[in-house]
PDB file of N, CA and C in Angstrom:
ATOM      1  N   MET A   1       0.843  -1.176   0.000  1.00  0.00           N
ATOM      2  CA  MET A   1       0.000   0.000   0.000  1.00  0.00           C
ATOM      3  C   MET A   1       0.893   1.245   0.000  1.00  0.00           C
ATOM      4  N   THR A   2       0.542   2.209  -0.805  1.00  0.00           N
ATOM      5  CA  THR A   2       1.325   3.442  -0.862  1.00  0.00           C
ATOM      6  C   THR A   2       0.915   4.376   0.260  1.00  0.00           C
ATOM      7  N   ARG A   3       1.758   5.360   0.506  1.00  0.00           N
ATOM      8  CA  ARG A   3       1.414   6.357   1.540  1.00  0.00           C
ATOM      9  C   ARG A   3       0.129   7.088   1.192  1.00  0.00           C
ATOM     10  N   GLN A   4      -0.029   7.389  -0.088  1.00  0.00           N
ATOM     11  CA  GLN A   4      -1.252   8.086  -0.552  1.00  0.00           C
ATOM     12  C   GLN A   4      -2.489   7.251  -0.226  1.00  0.00           C
ATOM     13  N   THR A   5      -2.415   5.952  -0.522  1.00  0.00           N
ATOM     14  CA  THR A   5      -3.543   5.062  -0.256  1.00  0.00           C
ATOM     15  C   THR A   5      -3.817   4.975   1.241  1.00  0.00           C
ATOM     16  N   THR A   6      -2.762   4.858   2.025  1.00  0.00           N
ATOM     17  CA  THR A   6      -2.921   4.791   3.474  1.00  0.00           C
ATOM     18  C   THR A   6      -3.570   6.059   4.006  1.00  0.00           C
ATOM     19  N   ARG A   7      -3.114   7.223   3.521  1.00  0.00           N
ATOM     20  CA  ARG A   7      -3.719   8.499   3.960  1.00  0.00           C
ATOM     21  C   ARG A   7      -5.181   8.564   3.564  1.00  0.00           C
ATOM     22  N   ASN A   8      -5.488   8.120   2.329  1.00  0.00           N
ATOM     23  CA  ASN A   8      -6.880   8.136   1.874  1.00  0.00           C
ATOM     24  C   ASN A   8      -7.738   7.203   2.725  1.00  0.00           C
ATOM     25  N   ASN A   9      -7.206   6.009   3.030  1.00  0.00           N
ATOM     26  CA  ASN A   9      -7.956   5.065   3.858  1.00  0.00           C
ATOM     27  C   ASN A   9      -8.156   5.618   5.266  1.00  0.00           C
ATOM     28  N   ASP A  10      -7.121   6.231   5.824  1.00  0.00           N
ATOM     29  CA  ASP A  10      -7.238   6.823   7.158  1.00  0.00           C
ATOM     30  C   ASP A  10      -8.273   7.943   7.167  1.00  0.00           C
ATOM     31  N   ALA A  11      -8.271   8.757   6.126  1.00  0.00           N
ATOM     32  CA  ALA A  11      -9.235   9.854   6.027  1.00  0.00           C
ATOM     33  C   ALA A  11     -10.654   9.303   5.873  1.00  0.00           C
ATOM     34  N   ALA A  12     -10.800   8.255   5.054  1.00  0.00           N
ATOM     35  CA  ALA A  12     -12.117   7.641   4.867  1.00  0.00           C
ATOM     36  C   ALA A  12     -12.613   7.033   6.178  1.00  0.00           C
ATOM     37  N   LEU A  13     -11.728   6.367   6.915  1.00  0.00           N
ATOM     38  CA  LEU A  13     -12.103   5.782   8.186  1.00  0.00           C
ATOM     39  C   LEU A  13     -12.535   6.854   9.181  1.00  0.00           C
ATOM     40  N   ALA A  14     -11.795   7.941   9.264  1.00  0.00           N
ATOM     41  CA  ALA A  14     -12.146   9.029  10.174  1.00  0.00           C
ATOM     42  C   ALA A  14     -13.497   9.630   9.806  1.00  0.00           C
ATOM     43  N   ALA A  15     -13.728   9.823   8.507  1.00  0.00           N
ATOM     44  CA  ALA A  15     -15.007  10.379   8.057  1.00  0.00           C
ATOM     45  C   ALA A  15     -16.147   9.407   8.346  1.00  0.00           C
ATOM     46  N   PHE A  16     -15.895   8.114   8.158  1.00  0.00           N
ATOM     47  CA  PHE A  16     -16.901   7.089   8.422  1.00  0.00           C
ATOM     48  C   PHE A  16     -17.278   7.086   9.899  1.00  0.00           C
ATOM     49  N   ILE A  17     -16.276   7.100  10.770  1.00  0.00           N
ATOM     50  CA  ILE A  17     -16.522   7.090  12.214  1.00  0.00           C
ATOM     51  C   ILE A  17     -17.289   8.345  12.638  1.00  0.00           C
ATOM     52  N   ALA A  18     -16.947   9.484  12.069  1.00  0.00           N
ATOM     53  CA  ALA A  18     -17.657  10.725  12.393  1.00  0.00           C
ATOM     54  C   ALA A  18     -19.111  10.645  11.935  1.00  0.00           C
ATOM     55  N   LYS A  19     -19.348  10.116  10.743  1.00  0.00           N
ATOM     56  CA  LYS A  19     -20.724  10.003  10.241  1.00  0.00           C
ATOM     57  C   LYS A  19     -21.517   8.993  11.058  1.00  0.00           C
ATOM     58  N   LYS A  20     -20.876   7.891  11.464  1.00  0.00           N
ATOM     59  CA  LYS A  20     -21.545   6.910  12.313  1.00  0.00           C
ATOM     60  C   LYS A  20     -21.958   7.544  13.637  1.00  0.00           C
ATOM     61  N   ALA A  21     -21.091   8.352  14.222  1.00  0.00           N
ATOM     62  CA  ALA A  21     -21.433   9.041  15.475  1.00  0.00           C
ATOM     63  C   ALA A  21     -22.635   9.965  15.268  1.00  0.00           C
ATOM     64  N   GLU A  22     -22.686  10.624  14.121  1.00  0.00           N
ATOM     65  CA  GLU A  22     -23.822  11.498  13.800  1.00  0.00           C
ATOM     66  C   GLU A  22     -25.116  10.689  13.715  1.00  0.00           C
ATOM     67  N   ILE A  23     -25.058   9.536  13.064  1.00  0.00           N
ATOM     68  CA  ILE A  23     -26.232   8.666  12.946  1.00  0.00           C
ATOM     69  C   ILE A  23     -26.634   8.122  14.311  1.00  0.00           C
ATOM     70  N   ASP A  24     -25.654   7.694  15.109  1.00  0.00           N
ATOM     71  CA  ASP A  24     -25.955   7.193  16.455  1.00  0.00           C
ATOM     72  C   ASP A  24     -26.671   8.252  17.285  1.00  0.00           C
ATOM     73  N   ALA A  25     -26.250   9.500  17.169  1.00  0.00           N
ATOM     74  CA  ALA A  25     -26.897  10.589  17.905  1.00  0.00           C
ATOM     75  C   ALA A  25     -28.341  10.788  17.420  1.00  0.00           C
ATOM     76  N   MET A  26     -28.553  10.711  16.112  1.00  0.00           N
ATOM     77  CA  MET A  26     -29.917  10.837  15.582  1.00  0.00           C
ATOM     78  C   MET A  26     -30.792   9.701  16.065  1.00  0.00           C
ATOM     79  N   LEU A  27     -30.253   8.474  16.074  1.00  0.00           N
ATOM     80  CA  LEU A  27     -31.022   7.324  16.537  1.00  0.00           C
ATOM     81  C   LEU A  27     -31.392   7.463  18.012  1.00  0.00           C
ATOM     82  N   ALA A  28     -30.463   7.957  18.807  1.00  0.00           N
ATOM     83  CA  ALA A  28     -30.753   8.165  20.232  1.00  0.00           C
ATOM     84  C   ALA A  28     -31.853   9.205  20.408  1.00  0.00           C
ATOM     85  N   ARG A  29     -31.800  10.277  19.640  1.00  0.00           N
ATOM     86  CA  ARG A  29     -32.848  11.301  19.720  1.00  0.00           C
ATOM     87  C   ARG A  29     -34.196  10.735  19.290  1.00  0.00           C
ATOM     88  N   LEU A  30     -34.194   9.940  18.211  1.00  0.00           N
ATOM     89  CA  LEU A  30     -35.439   9.327  17.747  1.00  0.00           C
ATOM     90  C   LEU A  30     -36.003   8.360  18.776  1.00  0.00           C
ATOM     91  N   GLN A  31     -35.138   7.603  19.432  1.00  0.00           N
ATOM     92  CA  GLN A  31     -35.598   6.679  20.472  1.00  0.00           C
ATOM     93  C   GLN A  31     -36.260   7.451  21.609  1.00  0.00           C
ATOM     94  N   ALA A  32     -35.630   8.538  22.040  1.00  0.00           N
ATOM     95  CA  ALA A  32     -36.219   9.365  23.102  1.00  0.00           C
ATOM     96  C   ALA A  32     -37.530   9.983  22.632  1.00  0.00           C
ATOM     97  N   PHE A  33     -37.600  10.404  21.385  1.00  0.00           N
ATOM     98  CA  PHE A  33     -38.818  10.983  20.818  1.00  0.00           C
ATOM     99  C   PHE A  33     -39.933   9.939  20.791  1.00  0.00           C
ATOM    100  N   SER A  34     -39.582   8.702  20.443  1.00  0.00           N
ATOM    101  CA  SER A  34     -40.553   7.614  20.447  1.00  0.00           C
ATOM    102  C   SER A  34     -41.090   7.371  21.845  1.00  0.00           C
ATOM    103  N   GLU A  35     -40.186   7.359  22.828  1.00  0.00           N
ATOM    104  CA  GLU A  35     -40.603   7.143  24.214  1.00  0.00           C
ATOM    105  C   GLU A  35     -41.532   8.251  24.709  1.00  0.00           C
ATOM    106  N   ASP A  36     -41.445   9.419  24.074  1.00  0.00           N
ATOM    107  CA  ASP A  36     -42.325  10.549  24.405  1.00  0.00           C
ATOM    108  C   ASP A  36     -43.509  10.624  23.436  1.00  0.00           C
ATOM    109  N   HIS A  37     -43.891   9.483  22.849  1.00  0.00           N
ATOM    110  CA  HIS A  37     -45.035   9.386  21.934  1.00  0.00           C
ATOM    111  C   HIS A  37     -44.879  10.303  20.717  1.00  0.00           C
ATOM    112  N   PHE A  38     -43.656  10.480  20.272  1.00  0.00           N
ATOM    113  CA  PHE A  38     -43.364  11.324  19.105  1.00  0.00           C
ATOM    114  C   PHE A  38     -43.933  12.731  19.252  1.00  0.00           C
ATOM    115  N   GLY A  39     -43.895  13.219  20.482  1.00  0.00           N
ATOM    116  CA  GLY A  39     -44.327  14.583  20.756  1.00  0.00           C
ATOM    117  C   GLY A  39     -45.828  14.772  20.842  1.00  0.00           C
ATOM    118  N   ALA A  40     -46.577  13.700  20.686  1.00  0.00           N
ATOM    119  CA  ALA A  40     -48.039  13.795  20.743  1.00  0.00           C
ATOM    120  C   ALA A  40     -48.522  13.569  22.168  1.00  0.00           C
ATOM    121  N   ASP A  41     -49.533  14.301  22.538  1.00  0.00           N
ATOM    122  CA  ASP A  41     -50.174  14.119  23.841  1.00  0.00           C
ATOM    123  C   ASP A  41     -51.222  13.025  23.676  1.00  0.00           C
ATOM    124  N   PRO A  42     -51.020  11.847  24.296  1.00  0.00           N
ATOM    125  CA  PRO A  42     -51.969  10.738  24.101  1.00  0.00           C
ATOM    126  C   PRO A  42     -53.418  11.104  24.430  1.00  0.00           C
ATOM    127  N   GLU A  43     -53.615  12.067  25.306  1.00  0.00           N
ATOM    128  CA  GLU A  43     -54.976  12.456  25.671  1.00  0.00           C
ATOM    129  C   GLU A  43     -55.588  13.430  24.670  1.00  0.00           C
ATOM    130  N   ARG A  44     -54.764  13.984  23.777  1.00  0.00           N
ATOM    131  CA  ARG A  44     -55.283  14.939  22.788  1.00  0.00           C
ATOM    132  C   ARG A  44     -54.915  14.512  21.366  1.00  0.00           C
ATOM    133  N   LEU A  45     -54.579  13.262  21.207  1.00  0.00           N
ATOM    134  CA  LEU A  45     -54.144  12.735  19.917  1.00  0.00           C
ATOM    135  C   LEU A  45     -55.229  12.927  18.859  1.00  0.00           C
ATOM    136  N   ASN A  46     -54.793  13.265  17.632  1.00  0.00           N
ATOM    137  CA  ASN A  46     -55.757  13.439  16.540  1.00  0.00           C
ATOM    138  C   ASN A  46     -55.186  12.847  15.259  1.00  0.00           C
ATOM    139  N   TRP A  47     -55.961  12.946  14.189  1.00  0.00           N
ATOM    140  CA  TRP A  47     -55.555  12.342  12.918  1.00  0.00           C
ATOM    141  C   TRP A  47     -54.295  12.988  12.347  1.00  0.00           C
ATOM    142  N   ALA A  48     -54.074  14.240  12.632  1.00  0.00           N
ATOM    143  CA  ALA A  48     -52.849  14.897  12.160  1.00  0.00           C
ATOM    144  C   ALA A  48     -51.616  14.258  12.807  1.00  0.00           C
ATOM    145  N   ASP A  49     -51.740  13.889  14.078  1.00  0.00           N
ATOM    146  CA  ASP A  49     -50.646  13.204  14.757  1.00  0.00           C
ATOM    147  C   ASP A  49     -50.354  11.869  14.076  1.00  0.00           C
ATOM    148  N   LEU A  50     -51.408  11.153  13.720  1.00  0.00           N
ATOM    149  CA  LEU A  50     -51.235   9.887  13.018  1.00  0.00           C
ATOM    150  C   LEU A  50     -50.578  10.125  11.660  1.00  0.00           C
ATOM    151  N   GLY A  51     -51.012  11.142  10.942  1.00  0.00           N
ATOM    152  CA  GLY A  51     -50.419  11.449   9.637  1.00  0.00           C
ATOM    153  C   GLY A  51     -48.935  11.743   9.746  1.00  0.00           C
ATOM    154  N   SER A  52     -48.556  12.504  10.748  1.00  0.00           N
ATOM    155  CA  SER A  52     -47.138  12.805  10.967  1.00  0.00           C
ATOM    156  C   SER A  52     -46.362  11.534  11.277  1.00  0.00           C
ATOM    157  N   LEU A  53     -46.932  10.684  12.108  1.00  0.00           N
ATOM    158  CA  LEU A  53     -46.262   9.440  12.469  1.00  0.00           C
ATOM    159  C   LEU A  53     -46.138   8.510  11.261  1.00  0.00           C
ATOM    160  N   GLU A  54     -47.175   8.454  10.429  1.00  0.00           N
ATOM    161  CA  GLU A  54     -47.111   7.635   9.216  1.00  0.00           C
ATOM    162  C   GLU A  54     -46.013   8.120   8.283  1.00  0.00           C
ATOM    163  N   TYR A  55     -45.867   9.424   8.152  1.00  0.00           N
ATOM    164  CA  TYR A  55     -44.826   9.973   7.288  1.00  0.00           C
ATOM    165  C   TYR A  55     -43.437   9.630   7.829  1.00  0.00           C
ATOM    166  N   GLN A  56     -43.271   9.762   9.140  1.00  0.00           N
ATOM    167  CA  GLN A  56     -41.984   9.414   9.744  1.00  0.00           C
ATOM    168  C   GLN A  56     -41.687   7.923   9.568  1.00  0.00           C
ATOM    169  N   ALA A  57     -42.698   7.083   9.733  1.00  0.00           N
ATOM    170  CA  ALA A  57     -42.530   5.642   9.544  1.00  0.00           C
ATOM    171  C   ALA A  57     -42.140   5.333   8.104  1.00  0.00           C
ATOM    172  N   HIS A  58     -42.754   6.042   7.162  1.00  0.00           N
ATOM    173  CA  HIS A  58     -42.437   5.866   5.743  1.00  0.00           C
ATOM    174  C   HIS A  58     -40.960   6.177   5.473  1.00  0.00           C
ATOM    175  N   LEU A  59     -40.475   7.293   6.014  1.00  0.00           N
ATOM    176  CA  LEU A  59     -39.072   7.670   5.810  1.00  0.00           C
ATOM    177  C   LEU A  59     -38.131   6.659   6.462  1.00  0.00           C
ATOM    178  N   LEU A  60     -38.461   6.217   7.666  1.00  0.00           N
ATOM    179  CA  LEU A  60     -37.623   5.230   8.338  1.00  0.00           C
ATOM    180  C   LEU A  60     -37.633   3.894   7.602  1.00  0.00           C
ATOM    181  N   LYS A  61     -38.775   3.531   7.008  1.00  0.00           N
ATOM    182  CA  LYS A  61     -38.845   2.289   6.230  1.00  0.00           C
ATOM    183  C   LYS A  61     -37.934   2.378   5.016  1.00  0.00           C
ATOM    184  N   GLN A  62     -37.866   3.537   4.373  1.00  0.00           N
ATOM    185  CA  GLN A  62     -36.953   3.698   3.241  1.00  0.00           C
ATOM    186  C   GLN A  62     -35.508   3.455   3.679  1.00  0.00           C
ATOM    187  N   ILE A  63     -35.136   4.005   4.810  1.00  0.00           N
ATOM    188  CA  ILE A  63     -33.787   3.834   5.332  1.00  0.00           C
ATOM    189  C   ILE A  63     -33.545   2.364   5.678  1.00  0.00           C
ATOM    190  N   SER A  64     -34.509   1.751   6.373  1.00  0.00           N
ATOM    191  CA  SER A  64     -34.385   0.355   6.766  1.00  0.00           C
ATOM    192  C   SER A  64     -34.291  -0.557   5.540  1.00  0.00           C
ATOM    193  N   ASP A  65     -35.143  -0.332   4.555  1.00  0.00           N
ATOM    194  CA  ASP A  65     -35.100  -1.134   3.325  1.00  0.00           C
ATOM    195  C   ASP A  65     -33.750  -1.001   2.634  1.00  0.00           C
ATOM    196  N   PHE A  66     -33.206   0.207   2.575  1.00  0.00           N
ATOM    197  CA  PHE A  66     -31.900   0.424   1.956  1.00  0.00           C
ATOM    198  C   PHE A  66     -30.824  -0.320   2.733  1.00  0.00           C
ATOM    199  N   ALA A  67     -30.838  -0.196   4.068  1.00  0.00           N
ATOM    200  CA  ALA A  67     -29.809  -0.808   4.898  1.00  0.00           C
ATOM    201  C   ALA A  67     -29.813  -2.330   4.817  1.00  0.00           C
ATOM    202  N   PHE A  68     -31.012  -2.924   4.710  1.00  0.00           N
ATOM    203  CA  PHE A  68     -31.123  -4.372   4.764  1.00  0.00           C
ATOM    204  C   PHE A  68     -31.439  -4.997   3.404  1.00  0.00           C
ATOM    205  N   GLY A  69     -31.420  -4.208   2.336  1.00  0.00           N
ATOM    206  CA  GLY A  69     -31.661  -4.749   0.996  1.00  0.00           C
ATOM    207  C   GLY A  69     -33.057  -5.315   0.843  1.00  0.00           C
ATOM    208  N   GLU A  70     -34.034  -4.623   1.425  1.00  0.00           N
ATOM    209  CA  GLU A  70     -35.420  -5.066   1.357  1.00  0.00           C
ATOM    210  C   GLU A  70     -36.245  -4.065   0.553  1.00  0.00           C
ATOM    211  N   GLY A  71     -37.550  -4.408   0.381  1.00  0.00           N
ATOM    212  CA  GLY A  71     -38.436  -3.494  -0.354  1.00  0.00           C
ATOM    213  C   GLY A  71     -37.896  -3.236  -1.744  1.00  0.00           C
ATOM    214  N   GLU A  72     -37.895  -1.981  -2.148  1.00  0.00           N
ATOM    215  CA  GLU A  72     -37.427  -1.641  -3.501  1.00  0.00           C
ATOM    216  C   GLU A  72     -35.920  -1.850  -3.674  1.00  0.00           C
ATOM    217  N   HIS A  73     -35.225  -2.086  -2.569  1.00  0.00           N
ATOM    218  CA  HIS A  73     -33.779  -2.314  -2.629  1.00  0.00           C
ATOM    219  C   HIS A  73     -33.427  -3.803  -2.581  1.00  0.00           C
ATOM    220  N   ALA A  74     -34.449  -4.658  -2.627  1.00  0.00           N
ATOM    221  CA  ALA A  74     -34.195  -6.100  -2.616  1.00  0.00           C
ATOM    222  C   ALA A  74     -33.508  -6.517  -3.912  1.00  0.00           C
ATOM    223  N   ALA A  75     -32.685  -7.526  -3.789  1.00  0.00           N
ATOM    224  CA  ALA A  75     -31.919  -8.013  -4.967  1.00  0.00           C
ATOM    225  C   ALA A  75     -32.820  -8.646  -5.996  1.00  0.00           C
TER     226      ALA A  75
END
């Protein structure tokens, strides 16, 4: 391996680790948001709350399908 390749790999690894930390932080925030009923008051829940939750579920399903090669990303 050349020095250039090693530097590129080291830079890619550092960028990967930084991006993973960013994703981990988002996942932790989403988990806390879920535990708080996604910001909805269960006693005042309405159809708009459901619509928002459905949209969020749709976006997360796209991410999950991409990550696991499912749905439209299936082989």
